[in-house]
Amino acid sequence: MTQTRNRYITLDQLSKKLGGRSRSSIYRDLENGHIPNPIRIGGRLYWCEDEVDDFMKTLRIGSNAS
């Protein structure tokens, strides 16, 4: 059985992954439930990279369907 480790990314890394999306846009998307929820460690927010990647795949699938 192989065990995979989740990699967590910071807000800056998330912004780059989302094409340079601004901090305020990310927080607005988070408030509206449009992006996965982060976890807080030591006062900083971190997103599970696998969850973000899955979220981005659903966006691509949705845009191909229209």
N, C-alpha and C. Protein backbone atom coordinates (compact mmCIF):
# COMPACT_ATOMS: atom_id res chain seq x y z
N MET A 1 0.85 -1.18 0.00
CA MET A 1 0.00 0.00 0.00
C MET A 1 0.90 1.24 0.00
N THR A 2 0.68 2.10 -0.98
CA THR A 2 1.46 3.33 -1.02
C THR A 2 0.71 4.44 -0.33
N GLN A 3 1.47 5.22 0.38
CA GLN A 3 0.86 6.33 1.10
C GLN A 3 1.29 7.63 0.41
N THR A 4 0.31 8.44 0.06
CA THR A 4 0.62 9.72 -0.56
C THR A 4 0.50 10.81 0.49
N ARG A 5 1.34 11.79 0.35
CA ARG A 5 1.30 12.92 1.28
C ARG A 5 0.70 14.12 0.56
N ASN A 6 -0.18 14.78 1.25
CA ASN A 6 -0.75 15.99 0.68
C ASN A 6 0.27 17.11 0.77
N ARG A 7 0.38 17.87 -0.27
CA ARG A 7 1.23 19.05 -0.27
C ARG A 7 0.31 20.25 -0.07
N TYR A 8 0.72 21.15 0.79
CA TYR A 8 -0.08 22.33 1.06
C TYR A 8 0.62 23.55 0.49
N ILE A 9 -0.18 24.44 -0.11
CA ILE A 9 0.37 25.63 -0.75
C ILE A 9 -0.14 26.89 -0.06
N THR A 10 0.65 27.95 -0.16
CA THR A 10 0.31 29.23 0.45
C THR A 10 -0.62 30.03 -0.46
N LEU A 11 -1.07 31.15 0.05
CA LEU A 11 -1.93 32.04 -0.74
C LEU A 11 -1.21 32.52 -2.00
N ASP A 12 0.07 32.86 -1.88
CA ASP A 12 0.83 33.31 -3.05
C ASP A 12 0.93 32.20 -4.10
N GLN A 13 1.18 30.98 -3.66
CA GLN A 13 1.26 29.86 -4.59
C GLN A 13 -0.10 29.58 -5.23
N LEU A 14 -1.16 29.70 -4.44
CA LEU A 14 -2.52 29.52 -4.97
C LEU A 14 -2.81 30.57 -6.03
N SER A 15 -2.44 31.80 -5.74
CA SER A 15 -2.65 32.89 -6.69
C SER A 15 -1.97 32.59 -8.03
N LYS A 16 -0.74 32.13 -7.98
CA LYS A 16 -0.01 31.79 -9.22
C LYS A 16 -0.69 30.65 -9.95
N LYS A 17 -1.14 29.66 -9.19
CA LYS A 17 -1.81 28.50 -9.79
C LYS A 17 -3.10 28.92 -10.48
N LEU A 18 -3.75 29.96 -9.96
CA LEU A 18 -5.00 30.46 -10.53
C LEU A 18 -4.76 31.58 -11.55
N GLY A 19 -3.55 31.65 -12.07
CA GLY A 19 -3.26 32.61 -13.13
C GLY A 19 -3.03 34.03 -12.66
N GLY A 20 -2.57 34.20 -11.44
CA GLY A 20 -2.29 35.54 -10.93
C GLY A 20 -3.49 36.22 -10.30
N ARG A 21 -4.47 35.44 -9.90
CA ARG A 21 -5.68 35.98 -9.27
C ARG A 21 -5.29 36.77 -8.02
N SER A 22 -5.93 37.91 -7.83
CA SER A 22 -5.60 38.78 -6.70
C SER A 22 -6.05 38.17 -5.38
N ARG A 23 -5.42 38.63 -4.33
CA ARG A 23 -5.73 38.19 -2.97
C ARG A 23 -7.20 38.42 -2.64
N SER A 24 -7.69 39.61 -2.96
CA SER A 24 -9.08 39.93 -2.63
C SER A 24 -10.05 39.06 -3.44
N SER A 25 -9.71 38.75 -4.68
CA SER A 25 -10.56 37.87 -5.49
C SER A 25 -10.59 36.46 -4.92
N ILE A 26 -9.44 35.99 -4.43
CA ILE A 26 -9.39 34.66 -3.83
C ILE A 26 -10.25 34.62 -2.58
N TYR A 27 -10.15 35.65 -1.73
CA TYR A 27 -10.97 35.69 -0.51
C TYR A 27 -12.46 35.77 -0.85
N ARG A 28 -12.79 36.52 -1.90
CA ARG A 28 -14.19 36.62 -2.32
C ARG A 28 -14.69 35.26 -2.82
N ASP A 29 -13.87 34.59 -3.62
CA ASP A 29 -14.24 33.25 -4.11
C ASP A 29 -14.39 32.27 -2.95
N LEU A 30 -13.53 32.39 -1.96
CA LEU A 30 -13.59 31.53 -0.78
C LEU A 30 -14.89 31.78 -0.02
N GLU A 31 -15.23 33.04 0.16
CA GLU A 31 -16.47 33.42 0.85
C GLU A 31 -17.70 32.88 0.13
N ASN A 32 -17.66 32.86 -1.19
CA ASN A 32 -18.79 32.40 -1.99
C ASN A 32 -18.77 30.89 -2.24
N GLY A 33 -17.78 30.20 -1.68
CA GLY A 33 -17.71 28.75 -1.83
C GLY A 33 -17.22 28.29 -3.19
N HIS A 34 -16.51 29.17 -3.91
CA HIS A 34 -16.05 28.83 -5.25
C HIS A 34 -14.70 28.14 -5.28
N ILE A 35 -13.95 28.18 -4.19
CA ILE A 35 -12.67 27.49 -4.11
C ILE A 35 -12.64 26.66 -2.83
N PRO A 36 -11.81 25.62 -2.80
CA PRO A 36 -11.74 24.77 -1.61
C PRO A 36 -11.32 25.55 -0.37
N ASN A 37 -11.80 25.12 0.78
CA ASN A 37 -11.44 25.78 2.04
C ASN A 37 -10.01 25.46 2.43
N PRO A 38 -9.32 26.46 2.97
CA PRO A 38 -7.95 26.24 3.44
C PRO A 38 -7.94 25.71 4.87
N ILE A 39 -6.75 25.34 5.33
CA ILE A 39 -6.57 25.06 6.74
C ILE A 39 -5.67 26.16 7.30
N ARG A 40 -5.79 26.42 8.59
CA ARG A 40 -4.98 27.46 9.22
C ARG A 40 -3.93 26.78 10.09
N ILE A 41 -2.69 27.15 9.85
CA ILE A 41 -1.58 26.66 10.67
C ILE A 41 -0.76 27.87 11.09
N GLY A 42 -0.70 28.10 12.39
CA GLY A 42 0.10 29.20 12.89
C GLY A 42 -0.29 30.56 12.34
N GLY A 43 -1.57 30.77 12.14
CA GLY A 43 -2.05 32.06 11.65
C GLY A 43 -1.98 32.23 10.13
N ARG A 44 -1.46 31.25 9.43
CA ARG A 44 -1.40 31.32 7.96
C ARG A 44 -2.36 30.32 7.35
N LEU A 45 -2.83 30.64 6.16
CA LEU A 45 -3.74 29.75 5.44
C LEU A 45 -2.96 28.92 4.44
N TYR A 46 -3.35 27.63 4.36
CA TYR A 46 -2.74 26.71 3.41
C TYR A 46 -3.84 25.92 2.73
N TRP A 47 -3.68 25.71 1.42
CA TRP A 47 -4.64 24.92 0.65
C TRP A 47 -3.99 23.60 0.27
N CYS A 48 -4.79 22.55 0.32
CA CYS A 48 -4.32 21.24 -0.13
C CYS A 48 -4.21 21.30 -1.66
N GLU A 49 -3.01 21.08 -2.16
CA GLU A 49 -2.79 21.21 -3.61
C GLU A 49 -3.64 20.22 -4.40
N ASP A 50 -3.84 19.01 -3.88
CA ASP A 50 -4.68 18.03 -4.58
C ASP A 50 -6.11 18.53 -4.72
N GLU A 51 -6.64 19.16 -3.66
CA GLU A 51 -8.01 19.70 -3.71
C GLU A 51 -8.10 20.84 -4.72
N VAL A 52 -7.09 21.68 -4.76
CA VAL A 52 -7.07 22.80 -5.72
C VAL A 52 -7.01 22.25 -7.15
N ASP A 53 -6.16 21.24 -7.36
CA ASP A 53 -6.05 20.64 -8.70
C ASP A 53 -7.37 20.00 -9.13
N ASP A 54 -8.03 19.29 -8.21
CA ASP A 54 -9.34 18.69 -8.51
C ASP A 54 -10.36 19.78 -8.85
N PHE A 55 -10.34 20.87 -8.09
CA PHE A 55 -11.24 21.99 -8.33
C PHE A 55 -11.01 22.57 -9.72
N MET A 56 -9.73 22.73 -10.09
CA MET A 56 -9.42 23.28 -11.40
C MET A 56 -9.85 22.35 -12.53
N LYS A 57 -9.78 21.04 -12.30
CA LYS A 57 -10.24 20.07 -13.29
C LYS A 57 -11.74 20.22 -13.51
N THR A 58 -12.50 20.45 -12.44
CA THR A 58 -13.95 20.62 -12.60
C THR A 58 -14.26 21.88 -13.38
N LEU A 59 -13.43 22.91 -13.23
CA LEU A 59 -13.63 24.13 -14.01
C LEU A 59 -13.42 23.86 -15.49
N ARG A 60 -12.37 23.10 -15.80
CA ARG A 60 -12.09 22.77 -17.20
C ARG A 60 -13.21 21.92 -17.78
N ILE A 61 -13.68 20.95 -17.02
CA ILE A 61 -14.77 20.08 -17.49
C ILE A 61 -16.02 20.91 -17.73
N GLY A 62 -16.32 21.84 -16.81
CA GLY A 62 -17.49 22.70 -16.95
C GLY A 62 -17.39 23.61 -18.16
N SER A 63 -16.19 24.13 -18.43
CA SER A 63 -16.05 25.03 -19.57
C SER A 63 -16.11 24.28 -20.90
N ASN A 64 -15.71 23.01 -20.90
CA ASN A 64 -15.80 22.20 -22.12
C ASN A 64 -17.23 21.80 -22.42
N ALA A 65 -18.06 21.71 -21.39
CA ALA A 65 -19.45 21.28 -21.57
C ALA A 65 -20.33 22.37 -22.16
N SER A 66 -19.91 23.64 -22.03
CA SER A 66 -20.78 24.71 -22.52
C SER A 66 -20.56 25.06 -23.95
